[in-house]
Protein backbone atom coordinates (compact mmCIF):
# COMPACT_ATOMS: atom_id res chain seq x y z
CA MET A 1 1.92 18.26 -15.04
CA ASN A 2 3.74 20.01 -17.78
CA SER A 3 1.12 21.69 -19.90
CA GLU A 4 -2.20 23.44 -19.62
CA THR A 5 -3.83 20.58 -21.53
CA GLU A 6 -2.71 18.00 -18.96
CA LYS A 7 -4.10 20.13 -16.15
CA THR A 8 -7.60 19.98 -17.59
CA LEU A 9 -7.68 16.30 -18.52
CA ASN A 10 -9.45 13.86 -16.24
CA ALA A 11 -9.55 10.11 -16.12
CA GLU A 12 -12.87 8.53 -15.22
CA LEU A 13 -12.88 5.45 -12.99
CA ASP A 14 -15.97 3.31 -12.41
CA ILE A 15 -15.16 1.57 -9.14
CA PHE A 16 -17.00 -1.35 -7.57
CA ARG A 17 -18.31 -0.46 -4.11
CA GLY A 18 -19.78 -2.88 -1.60
CA SER A 19 -19.08 -5.75 0.73
CA THR A 20 -20.39 -9.24 1.39
CA GLY A 21 -24.02 -9.08 2.45
CA THR A 22 -24.64 -5.53 1.20
CA ASP A 23 -25.94 -4.12 -2.05
CA SER A 24 -23.08 -3.43 -4.40
CA LYS A 25 -22.85 -0.65 -6.97
CA PHE A 26 -20.39 1.14 -9.19
CA GLU A 27 -19.36 4.66 -8.27
CA THR A 28 -17.73 6.98 -10.79
CA PHE A 29 -14.77 9.17 -9.83
CA ASN A 30 -13.02 11.76 -11.99
CA VAL A 31 -9.34 12.10 -11.20
CA PRO A 32 -6.70 14.43 -12.64
CA PHE A 33 -4.93 12.67 -15.48
CA GLN A 34 -1.15 12.76 -15.46
CA GLN A 35 0.90 11.02 -18.12
CA GLY A 36 2.69 8.05 -16.53
CA ALA A 37 0.49 7.87 -13.41
CA SER A 38 -0.71 4.43 -12.37
CA VAL A 39 -4.20 3.26 -11.45
CA LEU A 40 -2.87 2.86 -7.91
CA ASP A 41 -1.82 6.54 -7.93
CA ALA A 42 -5.41 7.42 -8.90
CA LEU A 43 -6.88 5.25 -6.12
CA ILE A 44 -4.61 6.90 -3.56
CA TRP A 45 -5.63 10.33 -4.90
CA ILE A 46 -9.33 9.41 -4.56
CA ASN A 47 -8.76 8.16 -1.02
CA ASP A 48 -6.87 11.34 -0.06
CA ASN A 49 -9.10 13.88 -1.82
CA LEU A 50 -12.59 12.53 -2.50
CA ASP A 51 -13.56 9.49 -0.44
CA GLU A 52 -11.55 8.17 2.45
CA THR A 53 -13.89 5.19 2.76
CA LEU A 54 -12.75 3.67 -0.54
CA SER A 55 -11.09 0.35 0.29
CA PHE A 56 -8.24 -1.11 -1.72
CA ARG A 57 -5.06 -2.91 -0.83
CA TYR A 58 -1.40 -2.21 -1.57
CA SER A 59 1.86 -2.63 0.30
CA CYS A 60 4.65 -1.89 -2.15
CA ILE A 61 5.77 1.25 -0.34
CA ASN A 62 6.46 -0.08 3.15
CA ALA A 63 6.41 -3.87 2.99
CA ASN A 64 8.06 -6.58 0.98
CA ALA A 65 4.74 -8.05 -0.16
CA CYS A 66 3.93 -7.38 -3.77
CA LYS A 67 0.73 -8.50 -5.52
CA GLU A 68 -1.63 -6.92 -2.99
CA CYS A 69 -2.91 -4.32 -5.48
CA MET A 70 -4.14 -6.95 -7.94
CA MET A 71 -7.69 -6.33 -9.24
CA LEU A 72 -9.78 -6.45 -12.38
CA ILE A 73 -9.08 -3.42 -14.55
CA ASP A 74 -11.31 -3.26 -17.60
CA GLY A 75 -12.04 -6.98 -17.21
CA LYS A 76 -8.40 -8.13 -16.98
CA VAL A 77 -6.47 -9.14 -13.87
CA GLU A 78 -3.81 -6.45 -13.43
CA TYR A 79 -1.55 -4.89 -10.83
CA ALA A 80 -2.87 -1.39 -10.12
CA CYS A 81 0.68 -0.18 -9.47
CA LEU A 82 1.83 -1.23 -12.96
CA LYS A 83 -1.27 -0.41 -15.00
CA LYS A 84 -1.02 3.10 -16.40
CA LEU A 85 -3.94 5.43 -15.91
CA GLN A 86 -5.78 6.03 -19.18
CA GLY A 87 -7.23 9.33 -20.32
CA LYS A 88 -10.55 7.51 -20.72
CA LYS A 89 -13.07 5.60 -18.64
CA SER A 90 -11.81 2.48 -16.84
CA THR A 91 -13.69 -0.03 -14.71
CA LEU A 92 -12.15 -1.38 -11.50
CA GLU A 93 -13.53 -4.48 -9.80
CA PRO A 94 -12.38 -6.90 -7.08
CA LEU A 95 -10.68 -10.14 -8.07
CA PRO A 96 -13.12 -12.81 -9.24
CA ASN A 97 -13.31 -16.15 -7.42
CA LYS A 98 -12.06 -14.58 -4.19
CA THR A 99 -14.06 -13.76 -1.08
CA LEU A 100 -15.04 -10.10 -1.16
CA ILE A 101 -14.17 -8.09 1.94
CA LYS A 102 -15.01 -4.53 0.84
CA ASP A 103 -14.86 -2.56 -2.41
CA LEU A 104 -11.67 -3.70 -4.20
CA VAL A 105 -10.36 -5.77 -1.27
CA THR A 106 -10.64 -9.54 -1.48
CA ASP A 107 -9.30 -12.30 0.72
CA ILE A 108 -6.06 -13.21 -1.03
CA VAL A 109 -4.44 -15.39 1.64
CA PRO A 110 -4.06 -18.94 0.28
CA PRO A 111 -6.16 -21.54 2.17
CA LYS A 112 -3.09 -23.44 3.43
CA GLU A 113 -1.63 -20.24 4.95
CA LYS A 114 -4.97 -19.42 6.61
CA TYR A 115 -4.97 -22.84 8.19
CA ALA A 116 -1.42 -22.36 9.47
CA PHE A 117 -2.30 -18.98 11.03
CA SER A 118 -5.32 -20.37 12.84
CA ARG A 119 -3.45 -23.21 14.56
């Protein structure tokens, strides 16, 4: 953070919380806003500083498997690692038409691959 103004700015994230068979809700988190930070950076910050139970998926740092951080951000399918954090309220939800596991984690393994793993 370069200026006093940036230090006081927060981004507000409304994040879907829940799993299959439980009541779901949205929980609001305020995170420090830094110009150029991604939504994934904010999720990691929340997990490290506010709520270690928040579930989301990513693997770009230590695996060669991109696309794991895909979710709905303000109603559009986006990669959390590429979507820049906004200095305003954003809504994060799990992918639609996928089986919900927990919070922002959905079952993203294609059906044919699941079948191959189970054999």
